[in-house]
Amino acid sequence: MPVNKPVIIHVTSKDVVHSFKVIPLRIAQDAIPGLSIPIHFVPNRVGVYQVDCAQLCGNGHAAMAAGRLHVDTPADYLAWIKSKSAGLGGGSSGYE
């Protein structure tokens, strides 16, 4: 996602309550089965941030792989979008 641009992430779960947490960006939201809960924020620092489950969600909690959230400069974000859409015949950048 591009730095300093508003973002909405919809969080849900397929099994039990989890919690989407990105500590450096001060983002935390429970993921509840059957609900799509939006998180609104503006990432203000370029970097790659670890996404953790902050809810003790069952026996497999300790083995959950941490996700990654990428925040790029606008130029790097556009280059990434172009690389992904190269095989799709072009199209819009996905953000203005």
PDB file of N, CA and C in Angstrom:
ATOM      1  N   MET A   1       0.837  -1.165   0.000  1.00  0.00           N
ATOM      2  CA  MET A   1       0.000   0.000   0.000  1.00  0.00           C
ATOM      3  C   MET A   1       0.888   1.235   0.000  1.00  0.00           C
ATOM      4  N   PRO A   2       0.408   2.340  -0.574  1.00  0.00           N
ATOM      5  CA  PRO A   2       1.229   3.546  -0.627  1.00  0.00           C
ATOM      6  C   PRO A   2       1.200   4.309   0.703  1.00  0.00           C
ATOM      7  N   VAL A   3       2.327   4.889   1.045  1.00  0.00           N
ATOM      8  CA  VAL A   3       2.437   5.671   2.273  1.00  0.00           C
ATOM      9  C   VAL A   3       1.579   6.936   2.161  1.00  0.00           C
ATOM     10  N   ASN A   4       1.040   7.364   3.282  1.00  0.00           N
ATOM     11  CA  ASN A   4       0.256   8.601   3.405  1.00  0.00           C
ATOM     12  C   ASN A   4      -1.010   8.640   2.554  1.00  0.00           C
ATOM     13  N   LYS A   5      -1.573   7.483   2.253  1.00  0.00           N
ATOM     14  CA  LYS A   5      -2.853   7.388   1.542  1.00  0.00           C
ATOM     15  C   LYS A   5      -3.822   6.598   2.428  1.00  0.00           C
ATOM     16  N   PRO A   6      -5.091   7.007   2.513  1.00  0.00           N
ATOM     17  CA  PRO A   6      -6.057   6.263   3.330  1.00  0.00           C
ATOM     18  C   PRO A   6      -6.230   4.830   2.838  1.00  0.00           C
ATOM     19  N   VAL A   7      -6.349   3.910   3.791  1.00  0.00           N
ATOM     20  CA  VAL A   7      -6.482   2.482   3.504  1.00  0.00           C
ATOM     21  C   VAL A   7      -7.674   1.934   4.290  1.00  0.00           C
ATOM     22  N   ILE A   8      -8.397   1.019   3.679  1.00  0.00           N
ATOM     23  CA  ILE A   8      -9.421   0.258   4.389  1.00  0.00           C
ATOM     24  C   ILE A   8      -9.117  -1.214   4.165  1.00  0.00           C
ATOM     25  N   ILE A   9      -8.955  -1.947   5.249  1.00  0.00           N
ATOM     26  CA  ILE A   9      -8.762  -3.393   5.192  1.00  0.00           C
ATOM     27  C   ILE A   9      -9.978  -4.027   5.859  1.00  0.00           C
ATOM     28  N   HIS A  10     -10.603  -4.989   5.181  1.00  0.00           N
ATOM     29  CA  HIS A  10     -11.732  -5.710   5.766  1.00  0.00           C
ATOM     30  C   HIS A  10     -11.200  -6.994   6.392  1.00  0.00           C
ATOM     31  N   VAL A  11     -11.472  -7.171   7.682  1.00  0.00           N
ATOM     32  CA  VAL A  11     -10.947  -8.293   8.451  1.00  0.00           C
ATOM     33  C   VAL A  11     -12.083  -9.251   8.787  1.00  0.00           C
ATOM     34  N   THR A  12     -11.840 -10.544   8.572  1.00  0.00           N
ATOM     35  CA  THR A  12     -12.808 -11.570   8.931  1.00  0.00           C
ATOM     36  C   THR A  12     -12.052 -12.835   9.324  1.00  0.00           C
ATOM     37  N   SER A  13     -12.755 -13.836   9.741  1.00  0.00           N
ATOM     38  CA  SER A  13     -12.165 -15.119  10.109  1.00  0.00           C
ATOM     39  C   SER A  13     -13.049 -16.237   9.584  1.00  0.00           C
ATOM     40  N   LYS A  14     -12.428 -17.364   9.255  1.00  0.00           N
ATOM     41  CA  LYS A  14     -13.187 -18.526   8.785  1.00  0.00           C
ATOM     42  C   LYS A  14     -13.507 -19.505   9.905  1.00  0.00           C
ATOM     43  N   ASP A  15     -12.810 -19.386  11.061  1.00  0.00           N
ATOM     44  CA  ASP A  15     -12.993 -20.411  12.083  1.00  0.00           C
ATOM     45  C   ASP A  15     -13.328 -19.850  13.458  1.00  0.00           C
ATOM     46  N   VAL A  16     -12.394 -19.192  14.114  1.00  0.00           N
ATOM     47  CA  VAL A  16     -12.578 -18.676  15.467  1.00  0.00           C
ATOM     48  C   VAL A  16     -12.185 -17.198  15.487  1.00  0.00           C
ATOM     49  N   VAL A  17     -12.312 -16.569  16.648  1.00  0.00           N
ATOM     50  CA  VAL A  17     -11.907 -15.171  16.772  1.00  0.00           C
ATOM     51  C   VAL A  17     -10.386 -15.087  16.729  1.00  0.00           C
ATOM     52  N   HIS A  18      -9.889 -14.268  15.827  1.00  0.00           N
ATOM     53  CA  HIS A  18      -8.465 -13.943  15.741  1.00  0.00           C
ATOM     54  C   HIS A  18      -8.344 -12.437  15.976  1.00  0.00           C
ATOM     55  N   SER A  19      -7.147 -11.898  15.917  1.00  0.00           N
ATOM     56  CA  SER A  19      -6.968 -10.459  16.039  1.00  0.00           C
ATOM     57  C   SER A  19      -5.848 -10.012  15.114  1.00  0.00           C
ATOM     58  N   PHE A  20      -6.170  -9.131  14.178  1.00  0.00           N
ATOM     59  CA  PHE A  20      -5.228  -8.554  13.215  1.00  0.00           C
ATOM     60  C   PHE A  20      -4.515  -7.411  13.927  1.00  0.00           C
ATOM     61  N   LYS A  21      -3.189  -7.543  14.108  1.00  0.00           N
ATOM     62  CA  LYS A  21      -2.459  -6.524  14.859  1.00  0.00           C
ATOM     63  C   LYS A  21      -1.144  -6.193  14.172  1.00  0.00           C
ATOM     64  N   VAL A  22      -0.904  -4.879  13.958  1.00  0.00           N
ATOM     65  CA  VAL A  22       0.352  -4.370  13.409  1.00  0.00           C
ATOM     66  C   VAL A  22       0.847  -3.331  14.413  1.00  0.00           C
ATOM     67  N   ILE A  23       1.722  -3.748  15.299  1.00  0.00           N
ATOM     68  CA  ILE A  23       2.128  -2.915  16.429  1.00  0.00           C
ATOM     69  C   ILE A  23       2.764  -1.587  15.999  1.00  0.00           C
ATOM     70  N   PRO A  24       3.735  -1.542  15.079  1.00  0.00           N
ATOM     71  CA  PRO A  24       4.362  -0.258  14.746  1.00  0.00           C
ATOM     72  C   PRO A  24       3.398   0.771  14.152  1.00  0.00           C
ATOM     73  N   LEU A  25       2.325   0.310  13.516  1.00  0.00           N
ATOM     74  CA  LEU A  25       1.348   1.228  12.943  1.00  0.00           C
ATOM     75  C   LEU A  25       0.158   1.466  13.869  1.00  0.00           C
ATOM     76  N   ARG A  26       0.182   0.858  15.041  1.00  0.00           N
ATOM     77  CA  ARG A  26      -0.861   1.011  16.061  1.00  0.00           C
ATOM     78  C   ARG A  26      -2.240   0.617  15.530  1.00  0.00           C
ATOM     79  N   ILE A  27      -2.273  -0.550  14.860  1.00  0.00           N
ATOM     80  CA  ILE A  27      -3.509  -1.081  14.294  1.00  0.00           C
ATOM     81  C   ILE A  27      -3.837  -2.382  15.018  1.00  0.00           C
ATOM     82  N   ALA A  28      -5.074  -2.529  15.451  1.00  0.00           N
ATOM     83  CA  ALA A  28      -5.530  -3.787  16.046  1.00  0.00           C
ATOM     84  C   ALA A  28      -7.035  -3.905  15.839  1.00  0.00           C
ATOM     85  N   GLN A  29      -7.464  -5.079  15.389  1.00  0.00           N
ATOM     86  CA  GLN A  29      -8.887  -5.313  15.190  1.00  0.00           C
ATOM     87  C   GLN A  29      -9.159  -6.809  15.302  1.00  0.00           C
ATOM     88  N   ASP A  30     -10.178  -7.176  16.090  1.00  0.00           N
ATOM     89  CA  ASP A  30     -10.582  -8.575  16.160  1.00  0.00           C
ATOM     90  C   ASP A  30     -11.169  -9.009  14.826  1.00  0.00           C
ATOM     91  N   ALA A  31     -10.879 -10.242  14.444  1.00  0.00           N
ATOM     92  CA  ALA A  31     -11.440 -10.876  13.253  1.00  0.00           C
ATOM     93  C   ALA A  31     -12.461 -11.898  13.746  1.00  0.00           C
ATOM     94  N   ILE A  32     -13.718 -11.678  13.405  1.00  0.00           N
ATOM     95  CA  ILE A  32     -14.810 -12.481  13.940  1.00  0.00           C
ATOM     96  C   ILE A  32     -15.461 -13.275  12.806  1.00  0.00           C
ATOM     97  N   PRO A  33     -15.639 -14.596  12.997  1.00  0.00           N
ATOM     98  CA  PRO A  33     -16.260 -15.401  11.944  1.00  0.00           C
ATOM     99  C   PRO A  33     -17.619 -14.833  11.522  1.00  0.00           C
ATOM    100  N   GLY A  34     -17.826 -14.747  10.205  1.00  0.00           N
ATOM    101  CA  GLY A  34     -19.096 -14.292   9.673  1.00  0.00           C
ATOM    102  C   GLY A  34     -19.244 -12.785   9.555  1.00  0.00           C
ATOM    103  N   LEU A  35     -18.290 -12.015  10.077  1.00  0.00           N
ATOM    104  CA  LEU A  35     -18.360 -10.559   9.979  1.00  0.00           C
ATOM    105  C   LEU A  35     -17.197 -10.034   9.155  1.00  0.00           C
ATOM    106  N   SER A  36     -17.448  -8.967   8.402  1.00  0.00           N
ATOM    107  CA  SER A  36     -16.397  -8.261   7.691  1.00  0.00           C
ATOM    108  C   SER A  36     -16.260  -6.906   8.369  1.00  0.00           C
ATOM    109  N   ILE A  37     -15.179  -6.724   9.109  1.00  0.00           N
ATOM    110  CA  ILE A  37     -14.994  -5.517   9.912  1.00  0.00           C
ATOM    111  C   ILE A  37     -13.925  -4.642   9.258  1.00  0.00           C
ATOM    112  N   PRO A  38     -14.283  -3.401   8.877  1.00  0.00           N
ATOM    113  CA  PRO A  38     -13.301  -2.531   8.228  1.00  0.00           C
ATOM    114  C   PRO A  38     -12.366  -1.863   9.241  1.00  0.00           C
ATOM    115  N   ILE A  39     -11.093  -1.766   8.858  1.00  0.00           N
ATOM    116  CA  ILE A  39     -10.106  -0.997   9.607  1.00  0.00           C
ATOM    117  C   ILE A  39      -9.709   0.168   8.705  1.00  0.00           C
ATOM    118  N   HIS A  40      -9.895   1.382   9.179  1.00  0.00           N
ATOM    119  CA  HIS A  40      -9.534   2.593   8.435  1.00  0.00           C
ATOM    120  C   HIS A  40      -8.262   3.159   9.051  1.00  0.00           C
ATOM    121  N   PHE A  41      -7.234   3.408   8.224  1.00  0.00           N
ATOM    122  CA  PHE A  41      -6.003   4.015   8.734  1.00  0.00           C
ATOM    123  C   PHE A  41      -5.208   4.621   7.586  1.00  0.00           C
ATOM    124  N   VAL A  42      -4.209   5.411   7.936  1.00  0.00           N
ATOM    125  CA  VAL A  42      -3.293   6.006   6.960  1.00  0.00           C
ATOM    126  C   VAL A  42      -1.879   5.579   7.375  1.00  0.00           C
ATOM    127  N   PRO A  43      -1.248   4.682   6.605  1.00  0.00           N
ATOM    128  CA  PRO A  43       0.127   4.280   6.949  1.00  0.00           C
ATOM    129  C   PRO A  43       1.059   5.472   6.734  1.00  0.00           C
ATOM    130  N   ASN A  44       1.815   5.820   7.761  1.00  0.00           N
ATOM    131  CA  ASN A  44       2.634   7.030   7.694  1.00  0.00           C
ATOM    132  C   ASN A  44       4.133   6.775   7.627  1.00  0.00           C
ATOM    133  N   ARG A  45       4.526   5.503   7.521  1.00  0.00           N
ATOM    134  CA  ARG A  45       5.956   5.173   7.422  1.00  0.00           C
ATOM    135  C   ARG A  45       6.162   4.050   6.433  1.00  0.00           C
ATOM    136  N   VAL A  46       7.136   4.225   5.549  1.00  0.00           N
ATOM    137  CA  VAL A  46       7.506   3.182   4.594  1.00  0.00           C
ATOM    138  C   VAL A  46       8.187   2.046   5.356  1.00  0.00           C
ATOM    139  N   GLY A  47       7.866   0.816   4.988  1.00  0.00           N
ATOM    140  CA  GLY A  47       8.504  -0.337   5.622  1.00  0.00           C
ATOM    141  C   GLY A  47       7.696  -1.601   5.405  1.00  0.00           C
ATOM    142  N   VAL A  48       8.226  -2.689   5.927  1.00  0.00           N
ATOM    143  CA  VAL A  48       7.538  -3.979   5.916  1.00  0.00           C
ATOM    144  C   VAL A  48       7.263  -4.323   7.366  1.00  0.00           C
ATOM    145  N   TYR A  49       5.992  -4.509   7.687  1.00  0.00           N
ATOM    146  CA  TYR A  49       5.577  -4.684   9.067  1.00  0.00           C
ATOM    147  C   TYR A  49       4.974  -6.065   9.289  1.00  0.00           C
ATOM    148  N   GLN A  50       5.247  -6.636  10.439  1.00  0.00           N
ATOM    149  CA  GLN A  50       4.726  -7.948  10.794  1.00  0.00           C
ATOM    150  C   GLN A  50       3.270  -7.816  11.236  1.00  0.00           C
ATOM    151  N   VAL A  51       2.421  -8.711  10.718  1.00  0.00           N
ATOM    152  CA  VAL A  51       1.021  -8.799  11.126  1.00  0.00           C
ATOM    153  C   VAL A  51       0.893 -10.023  12.021  1.00  0.00           C
ATOM    154  N   ASP A  52       0.413  -9.811  13.234  1.00  0.00           N
ATOM    155  CA  ASP A  52       0.280 -10.898  14.202  1.00  0.00           C
ATOM    156  C   ASP A  52      -1.177 -11.153  14.546  1.00  0.00           C
ATOM    157  N   CYS A  53      -1.444 -12.353  15.038  1.00  0.00           N
ATOM    158  CA  CYS A  53      -2.720 -12.658  15.669  1.00  0.00           C
ATOM    159  C   CYS A  53      -2.522 -12.374  17.155  1.00  0.00           C
ATOM    160  N   ALA A  54      -3.261 -11.402  17.671  1.00  0.00           N
ATOM    161  CA  ALA A  54      -3.093 -10.992  19.064  1.00  0.00           C
ATOM    162  C   ALA A  54      -4.146 -11.618  19.974  1.00  0.00           C
ATOM    163  N   GLN A  55      -4.810 -12.649  19.498  1.00  0.00           N
ATOM    164  CA  GLN A  55      -5.848 -13.326  20.270  1.00  0.00           C
ATOM    165  C   GLN A  55      -5.454 -14.794  20.440  1.00  0.00           C
ATOM    166  N   LEU A  56      -5.474 -15.278  21.652  1.00  0.00           N
ATOM    167  CA  LEU A  56      -5.207 -16.698  21.864  1.00  0.00           C
ATOM    168  C   LEU A  56      -6.382 -17.461  21.245  1.00  0.00           C
ATOM    169  N   CYS A  57      -6.146 -18.047  20.074  1.00  0.00           N
ATOM    170  CA  CYS A  57      -7.242 -18.544  19.233  1.00  0.00           C
ATOM    171  C   CYS A  57      -7.351 -20.068  19.193  1.00  0.00           C
ATOM    172  N   GLY A  58      -6.563 -20.767  19.962  1.00  0.00           N
ATOM    173  CA  GLY A  58      -6.661 -22.219  19.980  1.00  0.00           C
ATOM    174  C   GLY A  58      -5.296 -22.868  20.035  1.00  0.00           C
ATOM    175  N   ASN A  59      -5.264 -24.202  19.904  1.00  0.00           N
ATOM    176  CA  ASN A  59      -4.023 -24.958  20.021  1.00  0.00           C
ATOM    177  C   ASN A  59      -2.974 -24.574  18.986  1.00  0.00           C
ATOM    178  N   GLY A  60      -3.395 -24.138  17.805  1.00  0.00           N
ATOM    179  CA  GLY A  60      -2.449 -23.800  16.750  1.00  0.00           C
ATOM    180  C   GLY A  60      -1.965 -22.350  16.772  1.00  0.00           C
ATOM    181  N   HIS A  61      -2.361 -21.575  17.786  1.00  0.00           N
ATOM    182  CA  HIS A  61      -2.010 -20.153  17.824  1.00  0.00           C
ATOM    183  C   HIS A  61      -0.502 -19.918  17.714  1.00  0.00           C
ATOM    184  N   ALA A  62       0.278 -20.661  18.475  1.00  0.00           N
ATOM    185  CA  ALA A  62       1.733 -20.457  18.494  1.00  0.00           C
ATOM    186  C   ALA A  62       2.385 -20.809  17.158  1.00  0.00           C
ATOM    187  N   ALA A  63       1.718 -21.647  16.362  1.00  0.00           N
ATOM    188  CA  ALA A  63       2.294 -22.074  15.085  1.00  0.00           C
ATOM    189  C   ALA A  63       1.821 -21.211  13.913  1.00  0.00           C
ATOM    190  N   MET A  64       0.977 -20.197  14.186  1.00  0.00           N
ATOM    191  CA  MET A  64       0.489 -19.347  13.096  1.00  0.00           C
ATOM    192  C   MET A  64       1.651 -18.568  12.489  1.00  0.00           C
ATOM    193  N   ALA A  65       1.699 -18.549  11.169  1.00  0.00           N
ATOM    194  CA  ALA A  65       2.732 -17.768  10.479  1.00  0.00           C
ATOM    195  C   ALA A  65       2.337 -16.300  10.514  1.00  0.00           C
ATOM    196  N   ALA A  66       3.297 -15.451  10.823  1.00  0.00           N
ATOM    197  CA  ALA A  66       3.042 -14.014  10.825  1.00  0.00           C
ATOM    198  C   ALA A  66       2.924 -13.529   9.386  1.00  0.00           C
ATOM    199  N   GLY A  67       1.999 -12.630   9.148  1.00  0.00           N
ATOM    200  CA  GLY A  67       1.847 -12.028   7.831  1.00  0.00           C
ATOM    201  C   GLY A  67       2.739 -10.801   7.707  1.00  0.00           C
ATOM    202  N   ARG A  68       2.751 -10.223   6.535  1.00  0.00           N
ATOM    203  CA  ARG A  68       3.544  -9.017   6.276  1.00  0.00           C
ATOM    204  C   ARG A  68       2.660  -7.973   5.620  1.00  0.00           C
ATOM    205  N   LEU A  69       2.799  -6.739   6.053  1.00  0.00           N
ATOM    206  CA  LEU A  69       2.112  -5.609   5.466  1.00  0.00           C
ATOM    207  C   LEU A  69       3.178  -4.684   4.892  1.00  0.00           C
ATOM    208  N   HIS A  70       3.105  -4.433   3.588  1.00  0.00           N
ATOM    209  CA  HIS A  70       4.122  -3.620   2.898  1.00  0.00           C
ATOM    210  C   HIS A  70       3.589  -2.216   2.674  1.00  0.00           C
ATOM    211  N   VAL A  71       4.352  -1.211   3.111  1.00  0.00           N
ATOM    212  CA  VAL A  71       4.040   0.193   2.861  1.00  0.00           C
ATOM    213  C   VAL A  71       5.177   0.752   2.017  1.00  0.00           C
ATOM    214  N   ASP A  72       4.833   1.239   0.821  1.00  0.00           N
ATOM    215  CA  ASP A  72       5.835   1.708  -0.142  1.00  0.00           C
ATOM    216  C   ASP A  72       5.671   3.188  -0.445  1.00  0.00           C
ATOM    217  N   THR A  73       6.706   3.765  -1.042  1.00  0.00           N
ATOM    218  CA  THR A  73       6.586   5.116  -1.589  1.00  0.00           C
ATOM    219  C   THR A  73       5.582   5.052  -2.732  1.00  0.00           C
ATOM    220  N   PRO A  74       4.964   6.176  -3.093  1.00  0.00           N
ATOM    221  CA  PRO A  74       4.021   6.150  -4.222  1.00  0.00           C
ATOM    222  C   PRO A  74       4.651   5.598  -5.508  1.00  0.00           C
ATOM    223  N   ALA A  75       5.910   5.962  -5.785  1.00  0.00           N
ATOM    224  CA  ALA A  75       6.579   5.473  -7.003  1.00  0.00           C
ATOM    225  C   ALA A  75       6.780   3.966  -6.953  1.00  0.00           C
ATOM    226  N   ASP A  76       7.227   3.437  -5.819  1.00  0.00           N
ATOM    227  CA  ASP A  76       7.424   1.990  -5.683  1.00  0.00           C
ATOM    228  C   ASP A  76       6.100   1.245  -5.748  1.00  0.00           C
ATOM    229  N   TYR A  77       5.049   1.835  -5.177  1.00  0.00           N
ATOM    230  CA  TYR A  77       3.731   1.211  -5.228  1.00  0.00           C
ATOM    231  C   TYR A  77       3.236   1.124  -6.673  1.00  0.00           C
ATOM    232  N   LEU A  78       3.365   2.209  -7.431  1.00  0.00           N
ATOM    233  CA  LEU A  78       2.942   2.200  -8.837  1.00  0.00           C
ATOM    234  C   LEU A  78       3.739   1.194  -9.657  1.00  0.00           C
ATOM    235  N   ALA A  79       5.044   1.092  -9.389  1.00  0.00           N
ATOM    236  CA  ALA A  79       5.863   0.098 -10.092  1.00  0.00           C
ATOM    237  C   ALA A  79       5.379  -1.316  -9.776  1.00  0.00           C
ATOM    238  N   TRP A  80       5.014  -1.569  -8.530  1.00  0.00           N
ATOM    239  CA  TRP A  80       4.500  -2.882  -8.133  1.00  0.00           C
ATOM    240  C   TRP A  80       3.170  -3.165  -8.838  1.00  0.00           C
ATOM    241  N   ILE A  81       2.273  -2.171  -8.869  1.00  0.00           N
ATOM    242  CA  ILE A  81       0.989  -2.336  -9.559  1.00  0.00           C
ATOM    243  C   ILE A  81       1.222  -2.644 -11.035  1.00  0.00           C
ATOM    244  N   LYS A  82       2.120  -1.908 -11.667  1.00  0.00           N
ATOM    245  CA  LYS A  82       2.405  -2.138 -13.091  1.00  0.00           C
ATOM    246  C   LYS A  82       2.973  -3.531 -13.324  1.00  0.00           C
ATOM    247  N   SER A  83       3.828  -4.001 -12.422  1.00  0.00           N
ATOM    248  CA  SER A  83       4.404  -5.345 -12.581  1.00  0.00           C
ATOM    249  C   SER A  83       3.322  -6.421 -12.455  1.00  0.00           C
ATOM    250  N   LYS A  84       2.325  -6.184 -11.622  1.00  0.00           N
ATOM    251  CA  LYS A  84       1.248  -7.155 -11.438  1.00  0.00           C
ATOM    252  C   LYS A  84       0.248  -7.125 -12.584  1.00  0.00           C
ATOM    253  N   SER A  85       0.076  -5.971 -13.223  1.00  0.00           N
ATOM    254  CA  SER A  85      -0.917  -5.854 -14.280  1.00  0.00           C
ATOM    255  C   SER A  85      -0.313  -6.019 -15.668  1.00  0.00           C
ATOM    256  N   ALA A  86       0.995  -6.238 -15.749  1.00  0.00           N
ATOM    257  CA  ALA A  86       1.657  -6.366 -17.056  1.00  0.00           C
ATOM    258  C   ALA A  86       1.060  -7.479 -17.902  1.00  0.00           C
ATOM    259  N   GLY A  87       0.734  -8.600 -17.300  1.00  0.00           N
ATOM    260  CA  GLY A  87       0.156  -9.719 -18.030  1.00  0.00           C
ATOM    261  C   GLY A  87      -1.332  -9.623 -18.226  1.00  0.00           C
ATOM    262  N   LEU A  88      -1.942  -8.552 -17.698  1.00  0.00           N
ATOM    263  CA  LEU A  88      -3.394  -8.406 -17.788  1.00  0.00           C
ATOM    264  C   LEU A  88      -3.810  -7.378 -18.829  1.00  0.00           C
ATOM    265  N   GLY A  89      -2.875  -6.875 -19.610  1.00  0.00           N
ATOM    266  CA  GLY A  89      -3.224  -5.918 -20.652  1.00  0.00           C
ATOM    267  C   GLY A  89      -3.341  -4.491 -20.163  1.00  0.00           C
ATOM    268  N   GLY A  90      -2.627  -4.137 -19.086  1.00  0.00           N
ATOM    269  CA  GLY A  90      -2.643  -2.755 -18.596  1.00  0.00           C
ATOM    270  C   GLY A  90      -3.772  -2.526 -17.626  1.00  0.00           C
ATOM    271  N   GLY A  91      -4.368  -1.348 -17.727  1.00  0.00           N
ATOM    272  CA  GLY A  91      -5.464  -1.007 -16.814  1.00  0.00           C
ATOM    273  C   GLY A  91      -5.040   0.133 -15.918  1.00  0.00           C
ATOM    274  N   SER A  92      -5.902   0.469 -14.977  1.00  0.00           N
ATOM    275  CA  SER A  92      -5.617   1.591 -14.092  1.00  0.00           C
ATOM    276  C   SER A  92      -4.646   1.166 -12.999  1.00  0.00           C
ATOM    277  N   SER A  93      -4.119   2.157 -12.303  1.00  0.00           N
ATOM    278  CA  SER A  93      -3.113   1.913 -11.278  1.00  0.00           C
ATOM    279  C   SER A  93      -3.705   1.400  -9.982  1.00  0.00           C
ATOM    280  N   GLY A  94      -5.004   1.566  -9.770  1.00  0.00           N
ATOM    281  CA  GLY A  94      -5.600   1.106  -8.528  1.00  0.00           C
ATOM    282  C   GLY A  94      -5.722   2.196  -7.480  1.00  0.00           C
ATOM    283  N   TYR A  95      -5.010   3.302  -7.669  1.00  0.00           N
ATOM    284  CA  TYR A  95      -5.187   4.445  -6.775  1.00  0.00           C
ATOM    285  C   TYR A  95      -4.749   5.688  -7.514  1.00  0.00           C
ATOM    286  N   GLU A  96      -5.293   6.784  -7.121  1.00  0.00           N
ATOM    287  CA  GLU A  96      -4.976   8.060  -7.787  1.00  0.00           C
ATOM    288  C   GLU A  96      -4.266   8.967  -6.825  1.00  0.00           C
TER     289      GLU A  96
END
